[in-house]
Amino acid sequence: MKILIIGSGMVGSQTALLLLLEDITDTVYLYDKNTDKARGESMDINQCMSVMNNEKECIAISNVQSSDIIIVAIGRRRVPGEIRADLFKDNQHDVIDVCRLIQLQAPKAVILMATNPSDDFTRLAKELTSCEVHSIGTDLDTARLRELIHSKTDVPRKDITAYVSGEHSENMVVHDTDKATAEQCIQIAINTISLKGATVFAPSMTIVNKVRSIIEQN
């Protein structure tokens, strides 16, 4: 199964590395309109594989042809003071271009939409392609909620069943926790961004888990 990541920024490149480290695939492909960036990231990842004496590989490519799973991780990220919907205008053109490329070269792929606002772009990708399209948003929100509860209560993460449904936005619906924790869950991503400039590891691992689930279902 050919797994392709479109976008070699922080989330895209971290996802590529985790897909290899988590034994999801032996080869992951990286595409970016900035071809030098994609090549550089793939070189760095492959050097990491060499450190580990691991034969898995990341390959930078110039097209998306014949991909089975495509992860879209492009566009600019949020900054403090913004909500996810504020990114729609800036990221829309690139997402449309990518969807047209996917429809032309990989019309049977499964798309995972990581670009925010992910629910809006998931709907757009469904309109522009013949692909099955998923957002990773509420899976990520659920993990963040459970981490909040774990940090407050010391209950093991695996034993926490609270979850988030609805949209990956300020309108998310938070279940099975108190009002204060629910409000913190809505703000936790931007609070993390305020401290370190971006959210990377949790989104990337959420994508990896979603890819694993798709493979297991097929």
Protein backbone atom coordinates (compact mmCIF):
# COMPACT_ATOMS: atom_id res chain seq x y z
CA MET A 1 0.00 0.00 0.00
CA LYS A 2 1.48 3.33 -1.11
CA ILE A 3 1.26 6.01 1.58
CA LEU A 4 1.94 9.57 0.48
CA ILE A 5 2.23 12.76 2.50
CA ILE A 6 1.56 16.04 0.72
CA GLY A 7 3.38 18.76 2.62
CA SER A 8 6.84 18.43 4.15
CA GLY A 9 6.41 20.90 6.99
CA MET A 10 6.64 19.98 10.66
CA VAL A 11 3.52 17.81 10.78
CA GLY A 12 4.13 16.20 7.40
CA SER A 13 7.75 15.30 8.06
CA GLN A 14 7.07 14.10 11.61
CA THR A 15 4.23 11.93 10.30
CA ALA A 16 6.57 10.43 7.71
CA LEU A 17 9.07 9.51 10.40
CA LEU A 18 6.42 8.05 12.72
CA LEU A 19 4.89 5.94 9.94
CA LEU A 20 8.26 4.25 9.59
CA LEU A 21 9.05 4.00 13.29
CA GLU A 22 5.60 2.57 14.05
CA ASP A 23 6.03 -0.13 11.38
CA ILE A 24 3.02 1.07 9.42
CA THR A 25 4.94 0.86 6.16
CA ASP A 26 8.42 0.10 4.86
CA THR A 27 8.35 3.07 2.48
CA VAL A 28 6.68 6.44 2.87
CA TYR A 29 6.50 8.99 0.06
CA LEU A 30 6.77 12.75 0.48
CA TYR A 31 5.47 15.35 -1.97
CA ASP A 32 5.82 19.12 -1.75
CA LYS A 33 5.67 21.90 -4.33
CA ASN A 34 8.95 22.97 -2.70
CA THR A 35 10.86 19.98 -4.03
CA ASP A 36 14.09 20.88 -2.22
CA LYS A 37 12.27 20.88 1.13
CA ALA A 38 10.79 17.45 0.45
CA ARG A 39 14.19 16.10 -0.61
CA GLY A 40 15.86 17.55 2.47
CA GLU A 41 13.29 16.10 4.84
CA SER A 42 13.51 12.68 3.19
CA MET A 43 17.30 12.77 3.46
CA ASP A 44 17.11 13.63 7.15
CA ILE A 45 14.58 10.86 7.82
CA ASN A 46 16.68 8.32 5.94
CA GLN A 47 19.75 9.35 7.93
CA CYS A 48 17.68 8.66 11.04
CA MET A 49 16.91 5.20 9.66
CA SER A 50 20.62 4.66 9.18
CA VAL A 51 21.29 5.62 12.81
CA MET A 52 18.84 2.86 13.74
CA ASN A 53 20.22 0.33 11.22
CA ASN A 54 16.69 0.27 9.80
CA GLU A 55 16.04 -0.48 6.13
CA LYS A 56 12.80 1.52 5.91
CA GLU A 57 12.87 4.55 3.64
CA CYS A 58 11.31 7.94 2.90
CA ILE A 59 11.27 8.93 -0.77
CA ALA A 60 10.61 12.42 -2.11
CA ILE A 61 8.55 12.26 -5.32
CA SER A 62 7.27 14.73 -7.91
CA ASN A 63 3.74 13.34 -8.40
CA VAL A 64 1.00 11.63 -6.41
CA GLN A 65 0.25 8.91 -8.93
CA SER A 66 -1.08 5.52 -7.74
CA SER A 67 -1.12 6.47 -4.07
CA ASP A 68 -3.50 4.48 -1.86
CA ILE A 69 -3.53 6.76 1.20
CA ILE A 70 -2.78 10.46 0.90
CA ILE A 71 -2.22 12.68 3.93
CA VAL A 72 -2.76 16.38 3.20
CA ALA A 73 -0.66 18.46 5.60
CA ILE A 74 -0.14 21.75 3.78
CA GLY A 75 -0.78 25.42 4.40
CA ARG A 76 0.02 27.80 7.17
CA ARG A 77 -0.62 27.04 10.82
CA ARG A 78 -2.48 29.02 13.44
CA VAL A 79 -0.97 31.78 15.53
CA PRO A 80 -2.25 33.03 18.89
CA GLY A 81 -5.40 35.09 18.51
CA GLU A 82 -6.74 33.00 15.62
CA ILE A 83 -9.33 30.26 15.41
CA ARG A 84 -9.05 27.44 12.88
CA ALA A 85 -11.66 29.00 10.59
CA ASP A 86 -9.33 31.98 10.12
CA LEU A 87 -7.03 29.72 8.09
CA PHE A 88 -9.61 28.85 5.45
CA LYS A 89 -8.96 31.80 3.14
CA ASP A 90 -5.17 31.46 3.23
CA ASN A 91 -5.13 27.66 2.77
CA GLN A 92 -8.05 27.28 0.37
CA HIS A 93 -6.15 27.81 -2.89
CA ASP A 94 -3.47 25.24 -2.03
CA VAL A 95 -6.05 22.68 -0.91
CA ILE A 96 -8.01 23.11 -4.15
CA ASP A 97 -4.83 22.64 -6.19
CA VAL A 98 -3.95 19.49 -4.26
CA CYS A 99 -7.46 18.06 -4.62
CA ARG A 100 -7.35 18.59 -8.37
CA LEU A 101 -3.96 16.89 -8.52
CA ILE A 102 -5.23 13.94 -6.50
CA GLN A 103 -8.33 13.58 -8.64
CA LEU A 104 -6.15 13.54 -11.76
CA GLN A 105 -3.46 11.17 -10.54
CA ALA A 106 -4.93 9.12 -7.67
CA PRO A 107 -8.73 9.26 -7.85
CA LYS A 108 -9.20 6.08 -5.80
CA ALA A 109 -7.04 7.14 -2.87
CA VAL A 110 -8.20 7.61 0.70
CA ILE A 111 -7.47 11.17 1.82
CA LEU A 112 -6.68 12.18 5.41
CA MET A 113 -7.16 15.92 5.76
CA ALA A 114 -4.84 17.44 8.36
CA THR A 115 -4.89 21.00 6.97
CA ASN A 116 -7.03 23.35 9.04
CA PRO A 117 -9.88 24.05 9.17
CA SER A 118 -9.88 20.29 8.61
CA ASP A 119 -13.65 19.74 8.63
CA ASP A 120 -14.22 22.45 6.04
CA PHE A 121 -11.45 21.11 3.85
CA THR A 122 -12.69 17.55 4.28
CA ARG A 123 -16.03 18.64 2.85
CA LEU A 124 -14.26 20.52 0.05
CA ALA A 125 -12.12 17.48 -0.84
CA LYS A 126 -15.26 15.34 -1.03
CA GLU A 127 -16.73 17.82 -3.50
CA LEU A 128 -13.61 18.04 -5.66
CA THR A 129 -12.53 14.40 -5.72
CA SER A 130 -14.01 10.93 -5.99
CA CYS A 131 -11.98 9.88 -2.94
CA GLU A 132 -12.97 8.71 0.50
CA VAL A 133 -11.97 11.61 2.78
CA HIS A 134 -11.45 11.72 6.55
CA SER A 135 -10.66 14.47 9.03
CA ILE A 136 -8.39 13.58 11.93
CA GLY A 137 -9.74 16.40 14.08
CA THR A 138 -11.96 14.86 16.75
CA ASP A 139 -9.58 11.92 17.24
CA LEU A 140 -6.93 14.49 18.11
CA ASP A 141 -9.32 16.47 20.31
CA THR A 142 -10.28 13.30 22.18
CA ALA A 143 -6.62 12.54 22.90
CA ARG A 144 -6.07 16.07 24.15
CA LEU A 145 -9.14 15.84 26.38
CA ARG A 146 -7.95 12.57 27.89
CA GLU A 147 -4.52 14.04 28.54
CA LEU A 148 -6.14 16.93 30.41
CA ILE A 149 -8.12 14.51 32.57
CA HIS A 150 -5.02 12.36 33.14
CA SER A 151 -2.98 15.38 34.22
CA LYS A 152 -5.67 16.42 36.70
CA THR A 153 -6.55 13.02 38.16
CA ASP A 154 -3.63 10.62 37.51
CA VAL A 155 -6.13 8.16 36.08
CA PRO A 156 -4.23 6.05 33.50
CA ARG A 157 -4.76 7.38 29.98
CA LYS A 158 -5.99 4.00 28.76
CA ASP A 159 -8.79 4.00 31.36
CA ILE A 160 -10.27 7.39 30.41
CA THR A 161 -13.34 7.20 28.18
CA ALA A 162 -14.26 10.89 27.79
CA TYR A 163 -14.38 11.92 24.16
CA VAL A 164 -15.02 14.74 21.70
CA SER A 165 -17.50 14.71 18.83
CA GLY A 166 -18.72 17.18 16.23
CA GLU A 167 -16.25 19.58 14.63
CA HIS A 168 -12.54 20.09 15.14
CA SER A 169 -13.21 23.68 16.11
CA GLU A 170 -14.35 25.91 18.93
CA ASN A 171 -17.78 24.29 18.43
CA MET A 172 -16.54 20.81 19.38
CA VAL A 173 -18.80 18.81 21.70
CA VAL A 174 -16.98 17.51 24.78
CA HIS A 175 -18.47 14.50 26.57
CA ASP A 176 -18.12 12.91 30.01
CA THR A 177 -16.18 15.57 31.85
CA ASP A 178 -16.75 18.75 33.83
CA LYS A 179 -17.36 22.16 32.29
CA ALA A 180 -13.95 23.57 33.22
CA THR A 181 -12.08 20.68 31.61
CA ALA A 182 -14.27 20.91 28.52
CA GLU A 183 -13.43 24.60 28.18
CA GLN A 184 -9.73 23.82 28.63
CA CYS A 185 -9.97 21.18 25.91
CA ILE A 186 -11.31 23.73 23.46
CA GLN A 187 -8.33 26.00 24.19
CA ILE A 188 -5.53 23.48 24.66
CA ALA A 189 -4.24 23.54 21.08
CA ILE A 190 -3.85 27.31 20.90
CA ASN A 191 -2.34 27.32 24.40
CA THR A 192 0.27 24.84 23.19
CA ILE A 193 0.90 26.99 20.12
CA SER A 194 1.39 30.02 22.37
CA LEU A 195 4.13 28.19 24.24
CA LYS A 196 6.03 26.44 21.41
CA GLY A 197 4.76 27.94 18.16
CA ALA A 198 2.99 24.87 16.73
CA THR A 199 1.40 21.53 17.55
CA VAL A 200 3.28 18.69 15.90
CA PHE A 201 3.63 15.39 17.76
CA ALA A 202 0.02 14.77 18.77
CA PRO A 203 -1.40 15.61 15.31
CA SER A 204 1.22 13.42 13.66
CA MET A 205 0.56 10.45 15.93
CA THR A 206 -3.18 10.86 15.39
CA ILE A 207 -2.62 10.64 11.65
CA VAL A 208 -0.49 7.52 12.07
CA ASN A 209 -3.21 5.84 14.14
CA LYS A 210 -5.79 6.72 11.51
CA VAL A 211 -3.61 5.26 8.75
CA ARG A 212 -3.19 2.09 10.79
CA SER A 213 -6.96 1.83 11.18
CA ILE A 214 -7.57 2.27 7.45
CA ILE A 215 -5.03 -0.42 6.59
CA GLU A 216 -6.54 -2.84 9.10
CA GLN A 217 -9.99 -2.32 7.58
CA ASN A 218 -8.78 -3.14 4.07
